[in-house]
Every structure is written in structure tokens, then in C-alpha cells.
Amino acid sequence: MPSIIDVSMNNAREVLDASQQKLVLFQFWSARSEGCQQLTPILEKIVQQYPQQLLLARVDCDSQQDLAMQFGVQSLPTVMMIKDGKPVDGFAGVESEEAILAKLSAYLPKPEDSLIDQAQACLAEQNYQEAYSFLKQALLLAPERVDIKLWLADTAVSLGLLPQAEALLAEIKLADQDSVFKSVQAKIELAKEAADSPEIQALEASLAAEPDSFTLKEQLAVQYQAVQRSEEALVLLLSILQQDLNFGASKKLYLDILAALPKGDSVATSYRRKLYSLLY
């Protein structure tokens, strides 16, 4: 069925059935009405932008008077919004494009939804870095959405960005702490345990005894990065580079860690800026 259709008594039932899949805008109009002439191009523009979600069903009240009477139309132009065979909203008279879109907002894809779809495709391929970037953008568009925060936190855990994941969970109110929240929380705890290996503990003890040792700092940074404790690795490497830009492989390791972090990550942005301040 096309996204714009003329309705008569012959196909009215078919159009109503289509409201099971799409929101149907029944537009009751007349060529004699100036208001209808103003409204028609606005409705057509909106429906053509969202052909998968909307169907414009035009009822010419001059030739389909019986159909208009069945719908109880009393003035022109009138638009009735039908979903699942039932009216859910509507208006009489001429409305602006912005006002109509506001009424339709619950039935139209939101700007962040395409980013979420891209993120989910990346997650299916275990491309956590790209997924993180898409979800981060989505959250900027809809900072109130708990589902995006949970997806982003879960992805952050997969990338070893545990502080970022914990910060996201901390924003979620008690009423929204469902089974998904608890699952992500459990993943964080498991990741923390896995990221505290005996090798790391031994190096931390050695560094505590020799806090100025560049060699121990670099070795510990390598171990931190191996278990995705990126920010802690960057802290150690930065402390080396602040005193010796050419020590060992510290600069290369630092840059490799930055490159491994997802686009838009706040840690990457912060530590990239700190390195630039040293170099320039």
C-alpha cells in the first residue's frame, strides 16, 4: 500500500486494517476549503518523510459524504490519527508542521534510534569500540533514556572502561534498577576481580617500595592495559613522560592505549590533551 491513498467506502476497511502496522492519518478535506489546501502539502511532506511509520488516508468529503458522516466529521479540515483500529489523537483546522510532528512524536523514530540500531549491529559483531561511540552519541541526544545508559555501561565493561560504566550506573535511579541493571553491575564486579591479577599485585607492591622507578611504572602500565585498566595505565605512563618523553616504550604505549579507546571517550580526550600539552 502506498504511503498516501484516497479512501472510499470500498477500501475504508482495508485502510483501517493497515493501522495495525502504521499510524493512519485520516485527512477529511474538500477542494472548496482554503484550510484544506493549506494543510494538505504539510501532511504530504510529513508522511513522505516517514513512509514506514505513517499512512495518509485522504477522504474527499464532497464525494464521500457518507464516510465523513460515519467518522462524525463536523468541520474541515479534520485529521484523525488511527492506530490499531482506534483513534489515538487528531485535530481540526490548520496546524503547523511542528505542531503536527509533536502530536506524532510517540509514533515516529527518534534521532537517537538510528544510532542505537548501528550500535546493536556493531555489538552483534563484537565491535565494542564502534558500538560505544554510537551509544555515546545517542545518549547525548537523549540523556534521560535509561536503556541507552545501560547499553553504554554494558559496552564500557566489555572495553574495560569500568569507571565509566560505574558512573553511568550511578546515574540510574532506584526505580529503574531492573534485572539488566543488576546484570551490568555483576559484570563490573567480575571484571574488577579479573583485573587484579597476582602479577599486578606484585608489581604494585614493588612500585610502592620504589615509587620513582620508571621501569616498574612502565611494566605495571603494560599489565594494567592487558586487563583493560586503561586509565590507570595512562596515569603511570603520563607520570613517566612528564619527566622523560623518551623513556623506553612509554610514549608508544601511551599512544597505543589512546588509539584503542573508543571515539568520544572522555578518558581518551583528557589524556590526549595532556600529552599534547607536553609535546607542544
Protein backbone atom coordinates (compact mmCIF):
# COMPACT_ATOMS: atom_id res chain seq x y z
CA MET A 1 0.00 0.00 0.00
CA PRO A 2 1.41 3.44 -0.90
CA SER A 3 2.00 5.98 1.86
CA ILE A 4 -0.75 8.29 0.51
CA ILE A 5 -4.10 6.84 -0.52
CA ASP A 6 -7.59 8.12 -1.38
CA VAL A 7 -10.28 6.49 0.75
CA SER A 8 -13.80 5.47 -0.22
CA MET A 9 -16.40 3.16 1.26
CA ASN A 10 -14.88 0.39 -0.87
CA ASN A 11 -11.41 0.45 0.71
CA ALA A 12 -12.06 2.04 4.12
CA ARG A 13 -11.86 -1.34 5.91
CA GLU A 14 -8.54 -2.14 4.23
CA VAL A 15 -7.14 1.24 5.32
CA LEU A 16 -8.32 0.71 8.90
CA ASP A 17 -6.65 -2.71 8.90
CA ALA A 18 -3.41 -1.01 7.84
CA SER A 19 -3.46 0.84 11.17
CA GLN A 20 -2.26 -2.40 12.78
CA GLN A 21 1.13 -1.76 11.15
CA LYS A 22 1.22 2.03 10.74
CA LEU A 23 -0.32 5.15 12.21
CA VAL A 24 -3.05 6.18 9.75
CA LEU A 25 -3.79 9.87 9.35
CA PHE A 26 -7.36 10.18 8.08
CA GLN A 27 -7.49 13.57 6.38
CA PHE A 28 -11.02 14.81 5.76
CA TRP A 29 -10.85 17.53 3.15
CA SER A 30 -12.66 19.45 0.43
CA ALA A 31 -11.30 21.28 -2.60
CA ARG A 32 -13.58 24.16 -1.60
CA SER A 33 -11.81 24.63 1.73
CA GLU A 34 -8.88 27.04 1.85
CA GLY A 35 -7.71 25.48 5.12
CA CYS A 36 -7.56 22.06 3.47
CA GLN A 37 -5.43 23.48 0.67
CA GLN A 38 -3.00 24.86 3.27
CA LEU A 39 -2.87 21.65 5.31
CA THR A 40 -2.53 19.09 2.51
CA PRO A 41 1.08 19.85 1.47
CA ILE A 42 2.17 19.82 5.14
CA LEU A 43 0.66 16.38 5.72
CA GLU A 44 2.06 15.03 2.46
CA LYS A 45 5.55 16.26 3.34
CA ILE A 46 5.46 14.62 6.78
CA VAL A 47 4.14 11.29 5.51
CA GLN A 48 6.71 11.18 2.71
CA GLN A 49 9.45 11.62 5.32
CA TYR A 50 8.17 8.64 7.34
CA PRO A 51 6.69 6.16 4.82
CA GLN A 52 7.41 3.17 7.07
CA GLN A 53 5.54 4.64 10.04
CA LEU A 54 2.72 6.74 8.54
CA LEU A 55 -0.12 6.37 6.06
CA LEU A 56 -2.07 9.39 4.84
CA ALA A 57 -5.66 8.36 4.07
CA ARG A 58 -7.44 11.18 2.25
CA VAL A 59 -11.23 11.38 2.38
CA ASP A 60 -12.81 13.81 -0.12
CA CYS A 61 -15.85 14.93 1.83
CA ASP A 62 -17.56 16.25 -1.34
CA SER A 63 -17.67 12.77 -2.90
CA GLN A 64 -17.54 10.64 0.27
CA GLN A 65 -20.14 12.34 2.46
CA ASP A 66 -21.42 9.07 3.94
CA LEU A 67 -17.90 8.11 5.05
CA ALA A 68 -17.33 11.52 6.60
CA MET A 69 -20.61 11.19 8.49
CA GLN A 70 -19.64 7.74 9.79
CA PHE A 71 -16.50 9.30 11.27
CA GLY A 72 -18.53 12.13 12.80
CA VAL A 73 -16.65 14.89 10.98
CA GLN A 74 -18.15 18.30 11.78
CA SER A 75 -15.65 20.75 10.26
CA LEU A 76 -12.91 20.89 7.65
CA PRO A 77 -10.09 20.26 7.63
CA THR A 78 -10.15 17.44 10.19
CA VAL A 79 -7.40 14.89 10.78
CA MET A 80 -7.95 11.73 12.82
CA MET A 81 -4.99 9.59 13.88
CA ILE A 82 -5.89 5.90 13.94
CA LYS A 83 -3.72 3.15 15.43
CA ASP A 84 -4.76 -0.49 15.82
CA GLY A 85 -8.20 0.43 14.50
CA LYS A 86 -8.81 3.07 17.19
CA PRO A 87 -8.47 6.88 17.24
CA VAL A 88 -5.49 7.97 19.35
CA ASP A 89 -5.35 11.68 18.54
CA GLY A 90 -6.35 14.26 15.98
CA PHE A 91 -7.10 17.89 15.31
CA ALA A 92 -9.45 20.20 13.44
CA GLY A 93 -8.28 23.22 11.48
CA VAL A 94 -4.83 24.04 10.13
CA GLU A 95 -1.82 23.11 12.27
CA SER A 96 1.86 23.88 11.67
CA GLU A 97 4.32 21.17 10.69
CA GLU A 98 5.99 21.47 14.12
CA ALA A 99 2.68 21.05 15.97
CA ILE A 100 1.73 18.00 13.90
CA LEU A 101 5.15 16.39 14.41
CA ALA A 102 4.77 16.95 18.15
CA LYS A 103 1.49 15.00 18.10
CA LEU A 104 3.15 12.25 16.05
CA SER A 105 6.35 12.05 18.11
CA ALA A 106 5.29 8.93 20.01
CA TYR A 107 4.89 7.05 16.72
CA LEU A 108 7.97 8.27 14.84
CA PRO A 109 11.58 7.10 15.09
CA LYS A 110 13.64 9.33 17.35
CA PRO A 111 17.01 10.75 16.22
CA GLU A 112 18.86 8.51 18.65
CA ASP A 113 17.15 5.35 17.41
CA SER A 114 19.27 5.07 14.25
CA LEU A 115 22.41 5.38 16.37
CA ILE A 116 21.13 2.62 18.67
CA ASP A 117 20.45 0.40 15.64
CA GLN A 118 24.02 0.96 14.42
CA ALA A 119 25.37 0.22 17.89
CA GLN A 120 23.42 -3.02 18.12
CA ALA A 121 24.76 -4.11 14.72
CA CYS A 122 28.28 -3.46 16.00
CA LEU A 123 27.59 -5.37 19.22
CA ALA A 124 26.39 -8.35 17.19
CA GLU A 125 29.84 -8.39 15.58
CA GLN A 126 31.55 -7.79 18.97
CA ASN A 127 32.82 -4.45 17.68
CA TYR A 128 32.54 -2.83 21.10
CA GLN A 129 34.62 0.22 20.24
CA GLU A 130 32.32 1.39 17.44
CA ALA A 131 29.22 0.44 19.44
CA TYR A 132 30.44 2.56 22.36
CA SER A 133 30.84 5.58 20.09
CA PHE A 134 27.34 5.23 18.62
CA LEU A 135 25.76 4.79 22.07
CA LYS A 136 27.67 7.77 23.42
CA GLN A 137 26.22 9.92 20.62
CA ALA A 138 22.75 8.52 21.28
CA LEU A 139 22.99 9.41 24.96
CA LEU A 140 23.93 12.99 24.09
CA LEU A 141 20.69 13.22 22.08
CA ALA A 142 18.57 11.56 24.79
CA PRO A 143 20.33 11.90 28.17
CA GLU A 144 17.18 10.86 30.04
CA ARG A 145 16.95 7.38 28.46
CA VAL A 146 17.89 4.70 30.97
CA ASP A 147 18.07 1.96 28.31
CA ILE A 148 20.86 3.80 26.47
CA LYS A 149 22.78 4.28 29.72
CA LEU A 150 22.58 0.56 30.43
CA TRP A 151 23.68 -0.42 26.91
CA LEU A 152 26.54 2.07 27.14
CA ALA A 153 27.58 0.82 30.59
CA ASP A 154 27.49 -2.79 29.39
CA THR A 155 29.62 -1.90 26.36
CA ALA A 156 32.02 0.05 28.59
CA VAL A 157 32.55 -3.09 30.68
CA SER A 158 33.41 -5.05 27.52
CA LEU A 159 36.01 -2.38 26.73
CA GLY A 160 37.40 -2.41 30.26
CA LEU A 161 36.13 1.12 30.94
CA LEU A 162 34.96 0.23 34.43
CA PRO A 163 34.97 3.77 35.96
CA GLN A 164 32.81 4.99 33.06
CA ALA A 165 30.45 2.04 33.49
CA GLU A 166 30.14 2.68 37.23
CA ALA A 167 29.50 6.38 36.64
CA LEU A 168 26.65 5.54 34.26
CA LEU A 169 25.06 3.10 36.72
CA ALA A 170 25.32 5.71 39.48
CA GLU A 171 23.01 7.98 37.45
CA ILE A 172 20.22 5.38 37.34
CA LYS A 173 17.52 5.84 39.96
CA LEU A 174 16.44 3.04 42.27
CA ALA A 175 13.10 2.65 40.49
CA ASP A 176 14.90 1.89 37.22
CA GLN A 177 17.37 -0.61 38.64
CA ASP A 178 15.94 -3.68 36.92
CA SER A 179 17.44 -7.07 36.04
CA VAL A 180 19.53 -5.52 33.24
CA PHE A 181 20.99 -3.03 35.72
CA LYS A 182 21.88 -5.86 38.11
CA SER A 183 23.44 -7.84 35.27
CA VAL A 184 25.73 -4.95 34.28
CA GLN A 185 26.58 -4.37 37.94
CA ALA A 186 27.59 -8.02 38.30
CA LYS A 187 29.74 -7.80 35.16
CA ILE A 188 31.58 -4.84 36.65
CA GLU A 189 32.35 -6.76 39.85
CA LEU A 190 33.61 -9.78 37.87
CA ALA A 191 35.74 -7.55 35.66
CA LYS A 192 37.27 -5.91 38.73
CA GLU A 193 38.21 -9.29 40.17
CA ALA A 194 39.70 -10.45 36.87
CA ALA A 195 41.66 -7.21 36.53
CA ASP A 196 43.54 -7.68 39.81
CA SER A 197 45.94 -10.48 38.85
CA PRO A 198 48.83 -11.73 41.05
CA GLU A 199 51.28 -10.17 38.56
CA ILE A 200 49.65 -6.79 39.01
CA GLN A 201 49.59 -7.10 42.79
CA ALA A 202 53.31 -7.98 42.81
CA LEU A 203 54.21 -5.03 40.59
CA GLU A 204 52.07 -2.68 42.69
CA ALA A 205 53.94 -3.82 45.80
CA SER A 206 57.31 -3.31 44.07
CA LEU A 207 56.31 0.16 42.88
CA ALA A 208 55.14 1.09 46.37
CA ALA A 209 58.67 0.23 47.55
CA GLU A 210 60.29 2.12 44.64
CA PRO A 211 57.80 4.84 43.67
CA ASP A 212 60.25 6.66 41.38
CA SER A 213 61.09 3.65 39.21
CA PHE A 214 60.20 4.36 35.59
CA THR A 215 60.81 0.71 34.70
CA LEU A 216 58.31 -0.57 37.27
CA LYS A 217 55.76 2.06 36.22
CA GLU A 218 56.07 1.02 32.58
CA GLN A 219 55.83 -2.68 33.44
CA LEU A 220 52.76 -2.08 35.59
CA ALA A 221 51.18 0.05 32.85
CA VAL A 222 51.61 -2.85 30.42
CA GLN A 223 49.91 -5.20 32.88
CA TYR A 224 47.09 -2.72 33.51
CA GLN A 225 46.44 -2.38 29.79
CA ALA A 226 46.44 -6.16 29.39
CA VAL A 227 43.38 -6.31 31.66
CA GLN A 228 41.88 -3.13 30.13
CA ARG A 229 42.63 -0.85 33.08
CA SER A 230 43.42 1.85 30.54
CA GLU A 231 43.08 4.96 32.67
CA GLU A 232 45.39 3.61 35.39
CA ALA A 233 47.94 2.68 32.72
CA LEU A 234 47.75 6.19 31.26
CA VAL A 235 48.27 7.76 34.68
CA LEU A 236 51.50 5.81 35.15
CA LEU A 237 52.80 6.48 31.65
CA LEU A 238 51.99 10.18 31.88
CA SER A 239 54.00 10.41 35.11
CA ILE A 240 56.98 8.98 33.18
CA LEU A 241 56.55 11.21 30.13
CA GLN A 242 56.26 14.32 32.28
CA GLN A 243 59.86 13.68 33.33
CA ASP A 244 61.29 11.85 30.30
CA LEU A 245 59.49 11.88 26.96
CA ASN A 246 61.86 9.29 25.51
CA PHE A 247 61.93 6.68 28.25
CA GLY A 248 61.65 3.14 26.91
CA ALA A 249 58.43 2.43 25.04
CA SER A 250 56.30 4.68 27.25
CA LYS A 251 55.28 7.16 24.55
CA LYS A 252 54.36 4.41 22.06
CA LEU A 253 52.42 2.50 24.71
CA TYR A 254 50.61 5.69 25.73
CA LEU A 255 49.61 6.40 22.10
CA ASP A 256 48.57 2.77 21.54
CA ILE A 257 46.24 2.93 24.55
CA LEU A 258 44.68 6.18 23.29
CA ALA A 259 44.14 4.60 19.87
CA ALA A 260 42.45 1.57 21.44
CA LEU A 261 39.92 3.66 23.35
CA PRO A 262 36.59 4.36 21.58
CA LYS A 263 35.93 7.63 19.79
CA GLY A 264 34.48 10.25 22.06
CA ASP A 265 35.65 8.56 25.24
CA SER A 266 36.28 11.18 27.93
CA VAL A 267 39.44 9.44 29.22
CA ALA A 268 40.97 9.37 25.73
CA THR A 269 40.10 13.03 25.18
CA SER A 270 41.56 14.10 28.52
CA TYR A 271 44.81 12.16 28.22
CA ARG A 272 45.32 13.10 24.57
CA ARG A 273 45.11 16.74 25.63
CA LYS A 274 47.61 16.15 28.45
CA LEU A 275 50.11 14.58 26.06
CA TYR A 276 49.75 17.43 23.58
CA SER A 277 50.48 19.91 26.35
CA LEU A 278 53.78 18.09 26.98
CA LEU A 279 54.74 17.85 23.33
CA TYR A 280 53.75 21.37 22.30
